[in-house]
Every structure is written in structure tokens, then in C-alpha cells.
Amino acid sequence: MDLVLFVFFSSLEYAAIVLLLLAIFRLPMKDYVVPVLAIAVLESVFSYVLRYNTHFVNFSVSLQIALMILLFIYFSRIQLFYSSIAVILSYCAYSTIQIICFAIMNYIGAFELEQLTKEIVEGVTLIGYILQLITVIVTLGIAVIIKRTNMGWQFIPDAHRKVSLNDPINFALLITVITSYLLLSLMVFLSTLANREYILVLLVFLTFCLCSLVHFSNKKEEMNDRGTSL
């Protein structure tokens, strides 16, 4: 039963991340129904194995992100550079939303900080599933708003093109993606320390990385509109 609940709620989370990705980068959702389901289930099972059957819990986020990038490349045929931008930005946005949701629940006394460590080390409980569900609902709401207002970007090419890292925007995006990936990789470790200051620092840096990704994505879109992007 624990496996079923874990996979179900984790699948909701990963589906929300991918749907947010599709909305942000204006990719046709109807073409990604099977990929969304496949990525969500595969990521959830992988997450369960990492958490309960291996000693790699502290590396789980970094491994899950790497797998999602590879799966997105496989299903979308989008090259590594753009797939990494899309996945990292969406994962970063989702993680920021979840930390904010947790902070609110912690403020009203619904989720104690010490419980967060137990959730990670000993297994997800009811309050953990509630946090996941709230985060998913908020994320899907944001995805719907982005989709309906036609926000987001279209700079991801339909076909493989050589990416020039001599271009300052491409290089800045690459550095920001790598920095964000390393920061996200620390999430589990920092969360297990049960320290409000660490959680606050994590939120600040995640927000900074997210804003940087958005800024450089805007610049990339402007280049794409001018027909000068590579």
C-alpha cells in the first residue's frame, strides 16, 4: 500500500512538473500525453527505489533530474542543451512553489520542520502527501494561467541545430542551468538538517536561480524573434 501511495502522489508531482514545462515553452500538450504519463510513472518508481532500496537518498534529486532530462530528450527529440533548460527551469519553479507551500504550512503549525526530516528519512506520511497535493494543485493552476495567457517562450527549436556557446546568452543559460542543478541537488541534504535558516537560504537561492533562468530565457526569446539565435 505504501508503494502504491508513494508512486501515485509522486506521479502527480512529476506530471505537474512536465505539464508546467510544456506550458512555459509553449509545447503542444496533446502531443505529450503519453510522454507525460511515462515520465511521471518512471520517475516515481525510480524515486521509490532510490529512497527505500538504495543508500543514495541524498543524491535522489540530482539523479531524478538527470533521468527526466534524458527521458525528455527521448520523447521529444529535443537536444540536451534545450532539454536541460526546460527541465531545470520547471523543476526549479516546482521546488520553489513546494518550499513556499511548506513554509506556509509550517507557519500555521500544520507541518513541523522536524517532521520534514522524518518524511525524507523514514517515509512519507499523510501530511507529506497533503503538501505534495497542494503543490501540484498550485503548479497546475500556474500552468493553466501561463497556457491561457500565452506566456512563456518558443525558442526551443523543432529540429536539432548546433548550439553556439560562444553566444553570451547561451553561455549564461548554460552556467545558470548548471548552478541551478547543483543547488537542487542539495535540497534533500539541506532539508534533513531541520534548520529554518537553511530552508530560507535554499528558497532565496532557488528564487535567484529561477529569476536568472527567466531573465536569460527572455533574452533568448528576443534573439529568436530577431532570427539571430543559434
C-alpha atoms as a PDB file:
ATOM      1  CA  MET A   1       0.000   0.000   0.000  1.00  0.00           C
ATOM      2  CA  ASP A   2       2.872   2.365   0.810  1.00  0.00           C
ATOM      3  CA  LEU A   3       4.336   1.728  -2.642  1.00  0.00           C
ATOM      4  CA  VAL A   4       1.007   2.481  -4.346  1.00  0.00           C
ATOM      5  CA  LEU A   5       0.510   5.741  -2.418  1.00  0.00           C
ATOM      6  CA  PHE A   6       4.094   6.838  -2.990  1.00  0.00           C
ATOM      7  CA  VAL A   7       4.008   6.158  -6.727  1.00  0.00           C
ATOM      8  CA  PHE A   8       0.570   7.772  -7.118  1.00  0.00           C
ATOM      9  CA  PHE A   9       1.413  11.062  -5.377  1.00  0.00           C
ATOM     10  CA  SER A  10       4.921  11.199  -6.824  1.00  0.00           C
ATOM     11  CA  SER A  11       3.469  10.631 -10.296  1.00  0.00           C
ATOM     12  CA  LEU A  12       1.192  13.623  -9.747  1.00  0.00           C
ATOM     13  CA  GLU A  13       4.238  15.712  -8.862  1.00  0.00           C
ATOM     14  CA  TYR A  14       6.278  14.703 -11.896  1.00  0.00           C
ATOM     15  CA  ALA A  15       3.279  15.088 -14.207  1.00  0.00           C
ATOM     16  CA  ALA A  16       2.791  18.618 -12.832  1.00  0.00           C
ATOM     17  CA  ILE A  17       6.455  19.450 -13.486  1.00  0.00           C
ATOM     18  CA  VAL A  18       6.257  18.244 -17.096  1.00  0.00           C
ATOM     19  CA  LEU A  19       2.922  19.987 -17.720  1.00  0.00           C
ATOM     20  CA  LEU A  20       4.396  23.212 -16.343  1.00  0.00           C
ATOM     21  CA  LEU A  21       7.354  22.703 -18.692  1.00  0.00           C
ATOM     22  CA  LEU A  22       5.040  22.266 -21.690  1.00  0.00           C
ATOM     23  CA  ALA A  23       3.084  25.404 -20.770  1.00  0.00           C
ATOM     24  CA  ILE A  24       6.199  27.526 -20.215  1.00  0.00           C
ATOM     25  CA  PHE A  25       7.794  26.544 -23.509  1.00  0.00           C
ATOM     26  CA  ARG A  26       4.522  26.530 -25.483  1.00  0.00           C
ATOM     27  CA  LEU A  27       4.813  22.897 -26.490  1.00  0.00           C
ATOM     28  CA  PRO A  28       1.591  21.200 -27.656  1.00  0.00           C
ATOM     29  CA  MET A  29       0.235  19.271 -24.663  1.00  0.00           C
ATOM     30  CA  LYS A  30      -1.931  16.995 -26.810  1.00  0.00           C
ATOM     31  CA  ASP A  31       1.248  15.588 -28.381  1.00  0.00           C
ATOM     32  CA  TYR A  32       2.743  14.788 -24.993  1.00  0.00           C
ATOM     33  CA  VAL A  33       0.015  12.791 -23.252  1.00  0.00           C
ATOM     34  CA  VAL A  34       1.929   9.502 -23.383  1.00  0.00           C
ATOM     35  CA  PRO A  35       5.313  11.095 -22.539  1.00  0.00           C
ATOM     36  CA  VAL A  36       3.822  12.887 -19.506  1.00  0.00           C
ATOM     37  CA  LEU A  37       2.363   9.640 -18.154  1.00  0.00           C
ATOM     38  CA  ALA A  38       5.506   7.630 -18.936  1.00  0.00           C
ATOM     39  CA  ILE A  39       7.872  10.182 -17.383  1.00  0.00           C
ATOM     40  CA  ALA A  40       5.668  10.543 -14.295  1.00  0.00           C
ATOM     41  CA  VAL A  41       5.484   6.800 -13.601  1.00  0.00           C
ATOM     42  CA  LEU A  42       9.128   6.035 -14.426  1.00  0.00           C
ATOM     43  CA  GLU A  43      10.358   8.921 -12.276  1.00  0.00           C
ATOM     44  CA  SER A  44       8.120   7.852  -9.382  1.00  0.00           C
ATOM     45  CA  VAL A  45       9.326   4.243  -9.421  1.00  0.00           C
ATOM     46  CA  PHE A  46      12.927   5.440  -9.726  1.00  0.00           C
ATOM     47  CA  SER A  47      12.392   7.799  -6.789  1.00  0.00           C
ATOM     48  CA  TYR A  48      10.939   4.982  -4.679  1.00  0.00           C
ATOM     49  CA  VAL A  49      13.876   2.696  -5.439  1.00  0.00           C
ATOM     50  CA  LEU A  50      16.398   5.436  -4.588  1.00  0.00           C
ATOM     51  CA  ARG A  51      14.662   6.248  -1.317  1.00  0.00           C
ATOM     52  CA  TYR A  52      13.881   2.785   0.030  1.00  0.00           C
ATOM     53  CA  ASN A  53      16.183   0.334  -1.751  1.00  0.00           C
ATOM     54  CA  THR A  54      19.490   2.172  -2.017  1.00  0.00           C
ATOM     55  CA  HIS A  55      21.756   4.410   0.049  1.00  0.00           C
ATOM     56  CA  PHE A  56      21.541   7.274  -2.442  1.00  0.00           C
ATOM     57  CA  VAL A  57      18.776   9.325  -0.794  1.00  0.00           C
ATOM     58  CA  ASN A  58      20.933  12.450  -0.612  1.00  0.00           C
ATOM     59  CA  PHE A  59      21.585  12.176  -4.351  1.00  0.00           C
ATOM     60  CA  SER A  60      17.998  11.373  -5.302  1.00  0.00           C
ATOM     61  CA  VAL A  61      17.056  14.798  -6.665  1.00  0.00           C
ATOM     62  CA  SER A  62      20.153  15.110  -8.845  1.00  0.00           C
ATOM     63  CA  LEU A  63      19.616  11.604 -10.251  1.00  0.00           C
ATOM     64  CA  GLN A  64      15.899  12.197 -10.826  1.00  0.00           C
ATOM     65  CA  ILE A  65      16.564  15.444 -12.689  1.00  0.00           C
ATOM     66  CA  ALA A  66      19.205  13.740 -14.842  1.00  0.00           C
ATOM     67  CA  LEU A  67      16.748  10.955 -15.664  1.00  0.00           C
ATOM     68  CA  MET A  68      13.997  13.457 -16.511  1.00  0.00           C
ATOM     69  CA  ILE A  69      16.322  15.303 -18.891  1.00  0.00           C
ATOM     70  CA  LEU A  70      17.195  12.037 -20.644  1.00  0.00           C
ATOM     71  CA  LEU A  71      13.546  10.949 -20.813  1.00  0.00           C
ATOM     72  CA  PHE A  72      12.508  14.323 -22.196  1.00  0.00           C
ATOM     73  CA  ILE A  73      15.219  14.069 -24.855  1.00  0.00           C
ATOM     74  CA  TYR A  74      13.970  10.594 -25.772  1.00  0.00           C
ATOM     75  CA  PHE A  75      10.279  11.500 -26.007  1.00  0.00           C
ATOM     76  CA  SER A  76      10.599  14.982 -27.507  1.00  0.00           C
ATOM     77  CA  ARG A  77      13.764  14.589 -29.604  1.00  0.00           C
ATOM     78  CA  ILE A  78      14.911  17.930 -28.199  1.00  0.00           C
ATOM     79  CA  GLN A  79      18.670  18.222 -27.836  1.00  0.00           C
ATOM     80  CA  LEU A  80      20.456  18.163 -24.488  1.00  0.00           C
ATOM     81  CA  PHE A  81      21.024  21.923 -24.186  1.00  0.00           C
ATOM     82  CA  TYR A  82      17.359  22.856 -24.573  1.00  0.00           C
ATOM     83  CA  SER A  83      16.044  19.845 -22.686  1.00  0.00           C
ATOM     84  CA  SER A  84      18.242  20.771 -19.725  1.00  0.00           C
ATOM     85  CA  ILE A  85      16.977  24.352 -19.738  1.00  0.00           C
ATOM     86  CA  ALA A  86      13.342  23.236 -19.876  1.00  0.00           C
ATOM     87  CA  VAL A  87      13.605  20.561 -17.176  1.00  0.00           C
ATOM     88  CA  ILE A  88      15.793  22.545 -14.769  1.00  0.00           C
ATOM     89  CA  LEU A  89      13.641  25.672 -15.044  1.00  0.00           C
ATOM     90  CA  SER A  90      10.419  23.728 -14.449  1.00  0.00           C
ATOM     91  CA  TYR A  91      11.921  21.668 -11.615  1.00  0.00           C
ATOM     92  CA  CYS A  92      13.296  24.835 -10.045  1.00  0.00           C
ATOM     93  CA  ALA A  93       9.871  26.509 -10.282  1.00  0.00           C
ATOM     94  CA  TYR A  94       8.116  23.476  -8.783  1.00  0.00           C
ATOM     95  CA  SER A  95      10.629  23.221  -5.931  1.00  0.00           C
ATOM     96  CA  THR A  96      10.222  26.919  -5.151  1.00  0.00           C
ATOM     97  CA  ILE A  97       6.443  26.532  -5.052  1.00  0.00           C
ATOM     98  CA  GLN A  98       6.745  23.500  -2.756  1.00  0.00           C
ATOM     99  CA  ILE A  99       9.076  25.253  -0.323  1.00  0.00           C
ATOM    100  CA  ILE A 100       6.677  28.217  -0.153  1.00  0.00           C
ATOM    101  CA  CYS A 101       3.750  25.846   0.461  1.00  0.00           C
ATOM    102  CA  PHE A 102       5.752  24.101   3.179  1.00  0.00           C
ATOM    103  CA  ALA A 103       6.687  27.446   4.769  1.00  0.00           C
ATOM    104  CA  ILE A 104       3.017  28.448   4.919  1.00  0.00           C
ATOM    105  CA  MET A 105       2.033  25.086   6.417  1.00  0.00           C
ATOM    106  CA  ASN A 106       4.877  25.383   8.915  1.00  0.00           C
ATOM    107  CA  TYR A 107       3.794  28.927   9.848  1.00  0.00           C
ATOM    108  CA  ILE A 108       0.226  27.852  10.617  1.00  0.00           C
ATOM    109  CA  GLY A 109       1.503  24.830  12.551  1.00  0.00           C
ATOM    110  CA  ALA A 110       0.323  22.156  10.121  1.00  0.00           C
ATOM    111  CA  PHE A 111       3.792  20.855   9.237  1.00  0.00           C
ATOM    112  CA  GLU A 112       6.660  20.956  11.749  1.00  0.00           C
ATOM    113  CA  LEU A 113      10.188  21.328  10.456  1.00  0.00           C
ATOM    114  CA  GLU A 114      11.341  18.223  12.310  1.00  0.00           C
ATOM    115  CA  GLN A 115       8.634  16.241  10.516  1.00  0.00           C
ATOM    116  CA  LEU A 116      10.237  17.135   7.193  1.00  0.00           C
ATOM    117  CA  THR A 117      13.329  15.162   8.136  1.00  0.00           C
ATOM    118  CA  LYS A 118      11.198  12.149   9.079  1.00  0.00           C
ATOM    119  CA  GLU A 119       9.372  12.402   5.758  1.00  0.00           C
ATOM    120  CA  ILE A 120      12.651  12.151   3.876  1.00  0.00           C
ATOM    121  CA  VAL A 121      14.385   9.541   6.033  1.00  0.00           C
ATOM    122  CA  GLU A 122      11.546   7.343   7.310  1.00  0.00           C
ATOM    123  CA  GLY A 123       8.878   7.694   4.613  1.00  0.00           C
ATOM    124  CA  VAL A 124       6.062   9.964   3.501  1.00  0.00           C
ATOM    125  CA  THR A 125       3.085  10.354   5.851  1.00  0.00           C
ATOM    126  CA  LEU A 126      -0.361  11.881   5.380  1.00  0.00           C
ATOM    127  CA  ILE A 127       0.861  15.440   5.913  1.00  0.00           C
ATOM    128  CA  GLY A 128       3.574  14.844   3.322  1.00  0.00           C
ATOM    129  CA  TYR A 129       1.013  13.700   0.779  1.00  0.00           C
ATOM    130  CA  ILE A 130      -1.088  16.778   1.560  1.00  0.00           C
ATOM    131  CA  LEU A 131       1.935  19.003   0.880  1.00  0.00           C
ATOM    132  CA  GLN A 132       2.518  17.207  -2.425  1.00  0.00           C
ATOM    133  CA  LEU A 133      -1.135  17.572  -3.428  1.00  0.00           C
ATOM    134  CA  ILE A 134      -1.258  21.289  -2.570  1.00  0.00           C
ATOM    135  CA  THR A 135       1.944  21.906  -4.539  1.00  0.00           C
ATOM    136  CA  VAL A 136       0.577  20.001  -7.534  1.00  0.00           C
ATOM    137  CA  ILE A 137      -2.681  21.990  -7.498  1.00  0.00           C
ATOM    138  CA  VAL A 138      -0.837  25.330  -7.302  1.00  0.00           C
ATOM    139  CA  THR A 139       1.587  24.287 -10.059  1.00  0.00           C
ATOM    140  CA  LEU A 140      -1.196  23.142 -12.391  1.00  0.00           C
ATOM    141  CA  GLY A 141      -3.049  26.393 -11.711  1.00  0.00           C
ATOM    142  CA  ILE A 142       0.037  28.362 -12.736  1.00  0.00           C
ATOM    143  CA  ALA A 143       0.457  26.162 -15.828  1.00  0.00           C
ATOM    144  CA  VAL A 144      -3.147  26.857 -16.865  1.00  0.00           C
ATOM    145  CA  ILE A 145      -2.643  30.615 -16.424  1.00  0.00           C
ATOM    146  CA  ILE A 146       0.560  30.524 -18.495  1.00  0.00           C
ATOM    147  CA  LYS A 147      -1.167  28.489 -21.206  1.00  0.00           C
ATOM    148  CA  ARG A 148      -4.276  30.666 -21.417  1.00  0.00           C
ATOM    149  CA  THR A 149      -2.378  33.963 -21.365  1.00  0.00           C
ATOM    150  CA  ASN A 150       0.115  32.659 -23.939  1.00  0.00           C
ATOM    151  CA  MET A 151       3.047  33.497 -21.710  1.00  0.00           C
ATOM    152  CA  GLY A 152       6.326  31.611 -21.885  1.00  0.00           C
ATOM    153  CA  TRP A 153       8.770  31.139 -24.738  1.00  0.00           C
ATOM    154  CA  GLN A 154       9.142  29.443 -28.114  1.00  0.00           C
ATOM    155  CA  PHE A 155      12.908  29.466 -28.557  1.00  0.00           C
ATOM    156  CA  ILE A 156      13.232  25.670 -28.328  1.00  0.00           C
ATOM    157  CA  PRO A 157      13.829  24.583 -31.949  1.00  0.00           C
ATOM    158  CA  ASP A 158      11.818  21.864 -33.673  1.00  0.00           C
ATOM    159  CA  ALA A 159      14.948  20.296 -35.115  1.00  0.00           C
ATOM    160  CA  HIS A 160      18.497  19.737 -33.902  1.00  0.00           C
ATOM    161  CA  ARG A 161      20.733  22.714 -34.513  1.00  0.00           C
ATOM    162  CA  LYS A 162      24.248  23.307 -33.371  1.00  0.00           C
ATOM    163  CA  VAL A 163      24.247  25.386 -30.192  1.00  0.00           C
ATOM    164  CA  SER A 164      26.890  28.085 -30.120  1.00  0.00           C
ATOM    165  CA  LEU A 165      28.277  28.518 -26.611  1.00  0.00           C
ATOM    166  CA  ASN A 166      30.230  31.493 -27.916  1.00  0.00           C
ATOM    167  CA  ASP A 167      26.919  33.310 -27.786  1.00  0.00           C
ATOM    168  CA  PRO A 168      26.814  35.114 -24.399  1.00  0.00           C
ATOM    169  CA  ILE A 169      23.131  34.296 -23.786  1.00  0.00           C
ATOM    170  CA  ASN A 170      23.625  30.592 -24.480  1.00  0.00           C
ATOM    171  CA  PHE A 171      26.677  30.545 -22.240  1.00  0.00           C
ATOM    172  CA  ALA A 172      24.821  32.401 -19.464  1.00  0.00           C
ATOM    173  CA  LEU A 173      21.940  29.928 -19.732  1.00  0.00           C
ATOM    174  CA  LEU A 174      24.364  27.008 -19.527  1.00  0.00           C
ATOM    175  CA  ILE A 175      26.074  28.376 -16.400  1.00  0.00           C
ATOM    176  CA  THR A 176      22.712  29.147 -14.776  1.00  0.00           C
ATOM    177  CA  VAL A 177      21.391  25.666 -15.573  1.00  0.00           C
ATOM    178  CA  ILE A 178      24.487  24.024 -14.065  1.00  0.00           C
ATOM    179  CA  THR A 179      24.299  26.238 -10.967  1.00  0.00           C
ATOM    180  CA  SER A 180      20.593  25.501 -10.537  1.00  0.00           C
ATOM    181  CA  TYR A 181      21.203  21.768 -10.947  1.00  0.00           C
ATOM    182  CA  LEU A 182      23.874  21.788  -8.243  1.00  0.00           C
ATOM    183  CA  LEU A 183      21.624  23.780  -5.923  1.00  0.00           C
ATOM    184  CA  LEU A 184      18.648  21.483  -6.497  1.00  0.00           C
ATOM    185  CA  SER A 185      20.950  18.542  -5.796  1.00  0.00           C
ATOM    186  CA  LEU A 186      21.483  19.920  -2.279  1.00  0.00           C
ATOM    187  CA  MET A 187      17.760  20.089  -1.494  1.00  0.00           C
ATOM    188  CA  VAL A 188      17.432  16.733   0.242  1.00  0.00           C
ATOM    189  CA  PHE A 189      20.599  17.243   2.289  1.00  0.00           C
ATOM    190  CA  LEU A 190      19.581  20.733   3.444  1.00  0.00           C
ATOM    191  CA  SER A 191      16.019  19.592   4.186  1.00  0.00           C
ATOM    192  CA  THR A 192      17.251  16.830   6.507  1.00  0.00           C
ATOM    193  CA  LEU A 193      19.123  19.334   8.672  1.00  0.00           C
ATOM    194  CA  ALA A 194      15.808  20.592  10.111  1.00  0.00           C
ATOM    195  CA  ASN A 195      17.057  24.167  10.243  1.00  0.00           C
ATOM    196  CA  ARG A 196      14.830  27.107   9.275  1.00  0.00           C
ATOM    197  CA  GLU A 197      17.827  29.201   8.237  1.00  0.00           C
ATOM    198  CA  TYR A 198      18.957  26.549   5.759  1.00  0.00           C
ATOM    199  CA  ILE A 199      15.458  26.257   4.301  1.00  0.00           C
ATOM    200  CA  LEU A 200      15.293  30.062   3.943  1.00  0.00           C
ATOM    201  CA  VAL A 201      18.708  30.153   2.254  1.00  0.00           C
ATOM    202  CA  LEU A 202      17.608  27.377  -0.097  1.00  0.00           C
ATOM    203  CA  LEU A 203      14.463  29.331  -1.002  1.00  0.00           C
ATOM    204  CA  VAL A 204      16.424  32.536  -1.628  1.00  0.00           C
ATOM    205  CA  PHE A 205      18.949  30.829  -3.891  1.00  0.00           C
ATOM    206  CA  LEU A 206      16.276  28.838  -5.723  1.00  0.00           C
ATOM    207  CA  THR A 207      14.352  32.056  -6.359  1.00  0.00           C
ATOM    208  CA  PHE A 208      17.528  33.739  -7.602  1.00  0.00           C
ATOM    209  CA  CYS A 209      18.258  30.848  -9.984  1.00  0.00           C
ATOM    210  CA  LEU A 210      14.654  30.829 -11.196  1.00  0.00           C
ATOM    211  CA  CYS A 211      14.715  34.582 -11.849  1.00  0.00           C
ATOM    212  CA  SER A 212      18.053  34.213 -13.670  1.00  0.00           C
ATOM    213  CA  LEU A 213      16.660  31.429 -15.854  1.00  0.00           C
ATOM    214  CA  VAL A 214      13.600  33.535 -16.655  1.00  0.00           C
ATOM    215  CA  HIS A 215      15.763  36.587 -17.440  1.00  0.00           C
ATOM    216  CA  PHE A 216      18.088  34.756 -19.817  1.00  0.00           C
ATOM    217  CA  SER A 217      15.167  32.886 -21.387  1.00  0.00           C
ATOM    218  CA  ASN A 218      13.572  36.256 -22.151  1.00  0.00           C
ATOM    219  CA  LYS A 219      16.837  37.344 -23.777  1.00  0.00           C
ATOM    220  CA  LYS A 220      16.959  34.093 -25.732  1.00  0.00           C
ATOM    221  CA  GLU A 221      13.399  34.626 -26.939  1.00  0.00           C
ATOM    222  CA  GLU A 222      14.244  38.139 -28.093  1.00  0.00           C
ATOM    223  CA  MET A 223      17.182  36.749 -30.072  1.00  0.00           C
ATOM    224  CA  ASN A 224      14.934  34.073 -31.532  1.00  0.00           C
ATOM    225  CA  ASP A 225      12.389  36.698 -32.610  1.00  0.00           C
ATOM    226  CA  ARG A 226      15.128  38.638 -34.368  1.00  0.00           C
ATOM    227  CA  GLY A 227      16.312  35.489 -36.094  1.00  0.00           C
ATOM    228  CA  THR A 228      19.792  35.723 -34.578  1.00  0.00           C
ATOM    229  CA  SER A 229      19.599  32.801 -32.167  1.00  0.00           C
ATOM    230  CA  LEU A 230      21.761  29.709 -32.540  1.00  0.00           C
END
